[in-house]
Amino acid sequence: MYRTHFGLNSQPFGLTPDTQFFCELPSHLEALNVLLIALHNGEGFIKITGDVGTGKTMLCRKLLNELPEPFETSYIPNPRLPPVGLLMAIADEMGVEYSRHIEQNGLMKLINDALINCAVAGKKPVLIIDEAQSMSIETLEALRLVTNLETEKQKLLQIVLFGQPELDEQLQNKAIRQLRQRITFSYALKPLTPKNVADYIKHRLRIAGMGNLSIFSGLAIRAMHYYSRGIPRLVNILANKAMLSAYGKGHASISAKQVYLAALDTEDANTNFKLFGFRKRYLVLLLLAIIGYFSAFMATKL
């Protein structure tokens, strides 16, 4: 709705993970480098964790696009499956044909044969699993058994797990301690700092074709960081709603007021903390009222 108003070529703050908008923020770039280095070193298990909305799926898709030959990637976005179901999903991704009535051992053998053929052809298979925290203990154990497939010199399959912090809790279970010991590289995505939020917003506006990258005021950026807690998905939601609000009022820039109103309309925004016995939302309203009064007063003086 506001693309023409702000002179944009595309939607800058969509929720669909579009790698065109991938922003090389310190935490995300460091995580990507960890992944690339670990995979090139031939490590068996790699784990990336982060809270909801911190950009795991975006990073996952970026990795899928970045890996050059001879890497061959398989991607499982929803691994909430029984052990045999997971093996079937892996076989499907690898193009392995099998009977629907096959048992787990038979599937394992077919996958092993396919991985050996890949190794002979000089290929490096990589299995990437998103939302790994949804896997049961039994399914995680089946995944560990897949990594037993190896030659004397190398693993036949490398596995990257993307998951929420609950994955770390799951891996503490003694029943899968062997899997936990095989995770040689791990990284936890961090929330954005206020400077990160400013860079992130400007980057997405630039990719979307915005000429004026400073349409969010400094106070609006700080408000964005506070209400979003530095979570990229919430930044996208708040920025989108704030721009809609500015568009509705015919404004060419976004102030802290629009961000505040966007936060009130967003379920998970950080609006309920208290300071000195008062809810911060009321303190922010007071601050916005003071700023509005001061601006009007100065306008009458000019």
Protein backbone atom coordinates (compact mmCIF):
# COMPACT_ATOMS: atom_id res chain seq x y z
CA MET A 1 0.00 0.00 0.00
CA TYR A 2 2.80 2.45 0.78
CA ARG A 3 5.33 1.48 -1.92
CA THR A 4 4.42 4.35 -4.25
CA HIS A 5 4.21 6.83 -1.36
CA PHE A 6 7.79 6.09 -0.27
CA GLY A 7 9.17 5.39 -3.74
CA LEU A 8 9.89 1.69 -3.16
CA ASN A 9 10.31 -1.05 -5.75
CA SER A 10 9.34 -3.88 -3.39
CA GLN A 11 8.09 -4.61 0.11
CA PRO A 12 11.08 -3.96 2.42
CA PHE A 13 9.81 -5.63 5.58
CA GLY A 14 8.08 -8.84 4.50
CA LEU A 15 8.08 -11.86 6.79
CA THR A 16 9.00 -14.40 4.10
CA PRO A 17 12.74 -15.20 4.35
CA ASP A 18 14.05 -13.68 1.10
CA THR A 19 17.82 -14.08 0.77
CA GLN A 20 17.92 -10.96 -1.40
CA PHE A 21 17.39 -9.03 1.85
CA PHE A 22 20.02 -10.97 3.84
CA CYS A 23 21.87 -8.40 5.94
CA GLU A 24 25.47 -9.13 6.92
CA LEU A 25 25.02 -8.27 10.57
CA PRO A 26 27.91 -9.34 12.84
CA SER A 27 26.07 -12.25 14.50
CA HIS A 28 24.55 -13.62 11.29
CA LEU A 29 27.73 -13.20 9.26
CA GLU A 30 29.75 -14.92 12.00
CA ALA A 31 27.27 -17.80 12.08
CA LEU A 32 27.45 -18.15 8.29
CA ASN A 33 31.26 -18.20 8.43
CA VAL A 34 31.17 -20.87 11.16
CA LEU A 35 28.93 -23.00 8.94
CA LEU A 36 31.07 -22.60 5.82
CA ILE A 37 34.34 -23.29 7.65
CA ALA A 38 32.93 -26.35 9.46
CA LEU A 39 31.47 -27.81 6.26
CA HIS A 40 34.67 -27.27 4.31
CA ASN A 41 36.54 -29.01 7.15
CA GLY A 42 34.27 -32.04 6.80
CA GLU A 43 32.74 -31.85 10.29
CA GLY A 44 29.89 -34.30 10.95
CA PHE A 45 27.41 -32.31 13.08
CA ILE A 46 26.98 -28.52 13.22
CA LYS A 47 24.34 -26.73 15.32
CA ILE A 48 22.92 -23.20 15.04
CA THR A 49 20.43 -22.05 17.68
CA GLY A 50 18.46 -18.86 18.15
CA ASP A 51 15.21 -17.65 19.66
CA VAL A 52 12.03 -17.38 17.59
CA GLY A 53 12.39 -14.72 14.90
CA THR A 54 16.17 -14.27 15.12
CA GLY A 55 16.75 -15.20 11.48
CA LYS A 56 17.55 -18.93 11.54
CA THR A 57 15.48 -19.78 8.46
CA MET A 58 16.95 -16.84 6.53
CA LEU A 59 20.44 -18.04 7.45
CA CYS A 60 19.48 -21.58 6.51
CA ARG A 61 18.35 -20.50 3.02
CA LYS A 62 21.42 -18.32 2.62
CA LEU A 63 23.58 -21.37 3.34
CA LEU A 64 21.64 -23.41 0.77
CA ASN A 65 22.42 -20.72 -1.83
CA GLU A 66 26.05 -20.23 -0.80
CA LEU A 67 27.39 -23.78 -0.80
CA PRO A 68 29.33 -24.38 -4.03
CA GLU A 69 30.08 -27.66 -5.75
CA PRO A 70 30.95 -30.40 -4.85
CA PHE A 71 28.49 -29.89 -1.95
CA GLU A 72 25.03 -31.34 -2.55
CA THR A 73 22.36 -30.16 -0.12
CA SER A 74 19.21 -31.83 1.17
CA TYR A 75 16.75 -29.72 3.16
CA ILE A 76 14.13 -30.84 5.67
CA PRO A 77 12.07 -27.85 6.94
CA ASN A 78 9.76 -29.84 9.24
CA PRO A 79 11.50 -32.78 10.97
CA ARG A 80 8.70 -33.56 13.42
CA LEU A 81 8.63 -37.15 12.20
CA PRO A 82 9.03 -40.66 13.61
CA PRO A 83 12.45 -42.25 12.99
CA VAL A 84 11.35 -44.09 9.83
CA GLY A 85 9.60 -40.93 8.60
CA LEU A 86 12.83 -38.94 8.96
CA LEU A 87 14.79 -41.58 7.02
CA MET A 88 12.14 -41.50 4.30
CA ALA A 89 12.42 -37.71 4.13
CA ILE A 90 16.22 -37.98 3.80
CA ALA A 91 15.86 -40.63 1.09
CA ASP A 92 13.33 -38.47 -0.78
CA GLU A 93 15.66 -35.46 -0.67
CA MET A 94 18.54 -37.59 -2.00
CA GLY A 95 16.43 -39.05 -4.79
CA VAL A 96 16.60 -42.59 -3.36
CA GLU A 97 13.80 -44.91 -4.49
CA TYR A 98 12.31 -47.30 -1.93
CA SER A 99 9.20 -49.31 -1.13
CA ARG A 100 6.69 -47.58 1.11
CA HIS A 101 6.61 -50.72 3.27
CA ILE A 102 10.37 -50.74 3.83
CA GLU A 103 11.72 -51.02 7.38
CA GLN A 104 14.28 -48.78 9.07
CA ASN A 105 17.26 -51.05 8.44
CA GLY A 106 16.42 -51.35 4.75
CA LEU A 107 16.15 -47.58 4.43
CA MET A 108 19.48 -47.11 6.19
CA LYS A 109 21.17 -49.46 3.72
CA LEU A 110 19.72 -47.63 0.70
CA ILE A 111 20.83 -44.26 2.10
CA ASN A 112 24.28 -45.70 2.83
CA ASP A 113 24.60 -46.97 -0.76
CA ALA A 114 23.56 -43.57 -2.12
CA LEU A 115 26.09 -41.78 0.09
CA ILE A 116 28.88 -44.14 -1.01
CA ASN A 117 28.01 -43.39 -4.65
CA CYS A 118 28.21 -39.66 -3.88
CA ALA A 119 31.65 -40.10 -2.29
CA VAL A 120 32.90 -42.08 -5.31
CA ALA A 121 31.65 -39.26 -7.57
CA GLY A 122 33.52 -36.70 -5.45
CA LYS A 123 30.37 -35.11 -4.05
CA LYS A 124 29.88 -33.90 -0.47
CA PRO A 125 26.28 -34.42 0.74
CA VAL A 126 25.00 -32.00 3.38
CA LEU A 127 21.70 -32.49 5.21
CA ILE A 128 20.19 -29.27 6.58
CA ILE A 129 17.39 -29.59 9.13
CA ASP A 130 15.34 -26.57 10.21
CA GLU A 131 13.20 -26.45 13.39
CA ALA A 132 15.31 -29.28 14.82
CA GLN A 133 13.92 -28.69 18.35
CA SER A 134 10.71 -30.41 17.22
CA MET A 135 12.45 -33.78 16.80
CA SER A 136 11.80 -36.49 19.37
CA ILE A 137 14.61 -38.26 21.24
CA GLU A 138 13.99 -41.38 19.14
CA THR A 139 14.21 -39.42 15.88
CA LEU A 140 17.40 -37.68 17.01
CA GLU A 141 18.90 -41.09 17.77
CA ALA A 142 17.98 -42.28 14.26
CA LEU A 143 19.71 -39.19 12.91
CA ARG A 144 22.84 -40.10 14.86
CA LEU A 145 22.83 -43.55 13.31
CA VAL A 146 22.87 -41.94 9.87
CA THR A 147 26.13 -40.20 10.78
CA ASN A 148 27.70 -43.60 11.52
CA LEU A 149 27.92 -43.98 7.76
CA GLU A 150 31.53 -43.14 6.97
CA THR A 151 34.68 -44.32 5.26
CA GLU A 152 38.09 -44.61 6.90
CA LYS A 153 38.86 -41.03 5.87
CA GLN A 154 35.63 -39.03 5.89
CA LYS A 155 32.03 -38.75 6.96
CA LEU A 156 29.65 -39.71 4.17
CA LEU A 157 27.10 -37.13 5.34
CA GLN A 158 27.40 -33.79 7.13
CA ILE A 159 24.41 -32.52 9.10
CA VAL A 160 23.47 -28.95 10.05
CA LEU A 161 20.81 -28.48 12.73
CA PHE A 162 18.93 -25.18 13.02
CA GLY A 163 16.76 -24.90 16.10
CA GLN A 164 15.37 -22.87 18.97
CA PRO A 165 17.09 -22.91 22.41
CA GLU A 166 14.88 -25.87 23.34
CA LEU A 167 17.15 -27.95 21.09
CA ASP A 168 19.99 -27.44 23.56
CA GLU A 169 17.75 -28.66 26.38
CA GLN A 170 16.80 -31.70 24.29
CA LEU A 171 20.44 -32.56 23.66
CA GLN A 172 21.11 -32.76 27.41
CA ASN A 173 19.13 -36.00 27.53
CA LYS A 174 21.48 -38.86 28.42
CA ALA A 175 19.81 -41.11 25.85
CA ILE A 176 21.39 -39.08 23.03
CA ARG A 177 24.66 -38.06 24.67
CA GLN A 178 26.55 -39.73 21.79
CA LEU A 179 24.90 -37.33 19.36
CA ARG A 180 25.72 -34.35 21.59
CA GLN A 181 29.40 -35.37 21.62
CA ARG A 182 29.46 -35.40 17.82
CA ILE A 183 28.46 -31.73 17.51
CA THR A 184 31.85 -30.19 16.81
CA PHE A 185 30.73 -26.67 15.84
CA SER A 186 27.84 -24.68 17.31
CA TYR A 187 26.74 -21.04 17.33
CA ALA A 188 23.94 -19.13 19.06
CA LEU A 189 22.43 -16.21 17.16
CA LYS A 190 22.31 -13.00 19.22
CA PRO A 191 19.64 -10.26 19.27
CA LEU A 192 20.40 -7.08 17.34
CA THR A 193 21.96 -4.06 19.04
CA PRO A 194 20.52 -0.55 18.43
CA LYS A 195 23.22 0.02 15.78
CA ASN A 196 22.40 -3.36 14.21
CA VAL A 197 18.73 -2.35 14.03
CA ALA A 198 19.64 0.91 12.27
CA ASP A 199 21.89 -0.92 9.78
CA TYR A 200 19.28 -3.63 9.26
CA ILE A 201 16.49 -1.16 8.47
CA LYS A 202 18.66 0.89 6.11
CA HIS A 203 19.85 -2.26 4.33
CA ARG A 204 16.32 -3.51 3.67
CA LEU A 205 15.18 -0.05 2.53
CA ARG A 206 18.16 0.12 0.15
CA ILE A 207 17.39 -3.30 -1.36
CA ALA A 208 13.74 -2.24 -1.77
CA GLY A 209 14.84 0.81 -3.79
CA MET A 210 14.47 3.55 -1.18
CA GLY A 211 16.37 6.73 -1.93
CA ASN A 212 16.15 8.32 1.51
CA LEU A 213 17.55 5.77 3.97
CA SER A 214 16.99 8.04 6.97
CA ILE A 215 13.19 8.09 6.95
CA PHE A 216 13.24 6.48 10.43
CA SER A 217 14.31 9.07 12.98
CA GLY A 218 17.01 8.27 15.52
CA LEU A 219 14.38 8.11 18.25
CA ALA A 220 12.26 5.80 16.09
CA ILE A 221 15.23 3.45 15.68
CA ARG A 222 15.78 3.34 19.45
CA ALA A 223 12.08 2.70 19.99
CA MET A 224 12.24 -0.05 17.37
CA HIS A 225 15.10 -1.75 19.21
CA TYR A 226 13.35 -1.46 22.58
CA TYR A 227 9.99 -2.80 21.45
CA SER A 228 11.46 -5.57 19.26
CA ARG A 229 14.10 -6.65 21.81
CA GLY A 230 16.45 -6.83 18.83
CA ILE A 231 14.54 -9.69 17.16
CA PRO A 232 14.62 -9.25 13.35
CA ARG A 233 11.13 -10.65 12.76
CA LEU A 234 9.63 -8.15 15.22
CA VAL A 235 11.68 -5.36 13.63
CA ASN A 236 10.08 -6.26 10.29
CA ILE A 237 6.58 -6.29 11.76
CA LEU A 238 7.01 -2.99 13.61
CA ALA A 239 8.71 -1.25 10.67
CA ASN A 240 5.98 -2.37 8.29
CA LYS A 241 3.18 -1.17 10.59
CA ALA A 242 4.99 2.11 11.31
CA MET A 243 5.35 2.82 7.60
CA LEU A 244 1.68 2.02 7.08
CA SER A 245 0.81 4.46 9.85
CA ALA A 246 2.99 7.20 8.34
CA TYR A 247 1.48 6.55 4.91
CA GLY A 248 -2.03 6.82 6.35
CA LYS A 249 -1.17 10.22 7.80
CA GLY A 250 0.62 11.36 4.64
CA HIS A 251 3.98 11.67 6.43
CA ALA A 252 7.27 11.34 4.55
CA SER A 253 9.17 10.04 7.59
CA ILE A 254 8.61 7.72 10.55
CA SER A 255 8.74 8.99 14.13
CA ALA A 256 8.84 7.21 17.47
CA LYS A 257 5.10 7.75 17.74
CA GLN A 258 4.39 5.52 14.73
CA VAL A 259 6.71 2.85 16.14
CA TYR A 260 4.99 3.05 19.51
CA LEU A 261 1.53 2.68 17.96
CA ALA A 262 2.84 -0.27 15.92
CA ALA A 263 4.14 -1.88 19.12
CA LEU A 264 0.76 -1.53 20.83
CA ASP A 265 -0.76 -3.42 17.88
CA THR A 266 1.85 -6.21 17.97
CA GLU A 267 1.28 -9.22 20.23
CA ASP A 268 4.90 -9.99 21.19
CA ALA A 269 6.25 -6.43 21.35
CA ASN A 270 8.01 -5.38 24.54
CA THR A 271 5.40 -2.94 25.94
CA ASN A 272 4.62 -4.28 29.39
CA PHE A 273 7.73 -3.52 31.48
CA LYS A 274 7.47 -1.10 34.39
CA LEU A 275 9.77 1.66 35.55
CA PHE A 276 9.47 3.22 39.02
CA GLY A 277 6.01 1.68 39.38
CA PHE A 278 4.71 3.05 36.05
CA ARG A 279 4.23 1.11 32.87
CA LYS A 280 6.72 2.29 30.27
CA ARG A 281 3.98 2.61 27.68
CA TYR A 282 2.52 5.50 29.70
CA LEU A 283 5.95 7.08 30.11
CA VAL A 284 6.45 6.84 26.37
CA LEU A 285 3.07 8.48 25.78
CA LEU A 286 4.08 11.30 28.09
CA LEU A 287 7.41 11.68 26.30
CA LEU A 288 5.70 11.76 22.90
CA ALA A 289 3.24 14.37 24.18
CA ILE A 290 6.13 16.55 25.44
CA ILE A 291 7.97 16.21 22.12
CA GLY A 292 4.78 17.07 20.22
CA TYR A 293 4.14 20.13 22.38
CA PHE A 294 7.76 21.29 22.06
CA SER A 295 7.68 20.87 18.27
CA ALA A 296 4.44 22.87 18.00
CA PHE A 297 5.84 25.57 20.28
CA MET A 298 8.99 25.91 18.19
CA ALA A 299 6.95 26.05 14.99
CA THR A 300 5.02 29.07 16.30
CA LYS A 301 8.31 30.83 17.06
CA LEU A 302 9.70 30.41 13.55
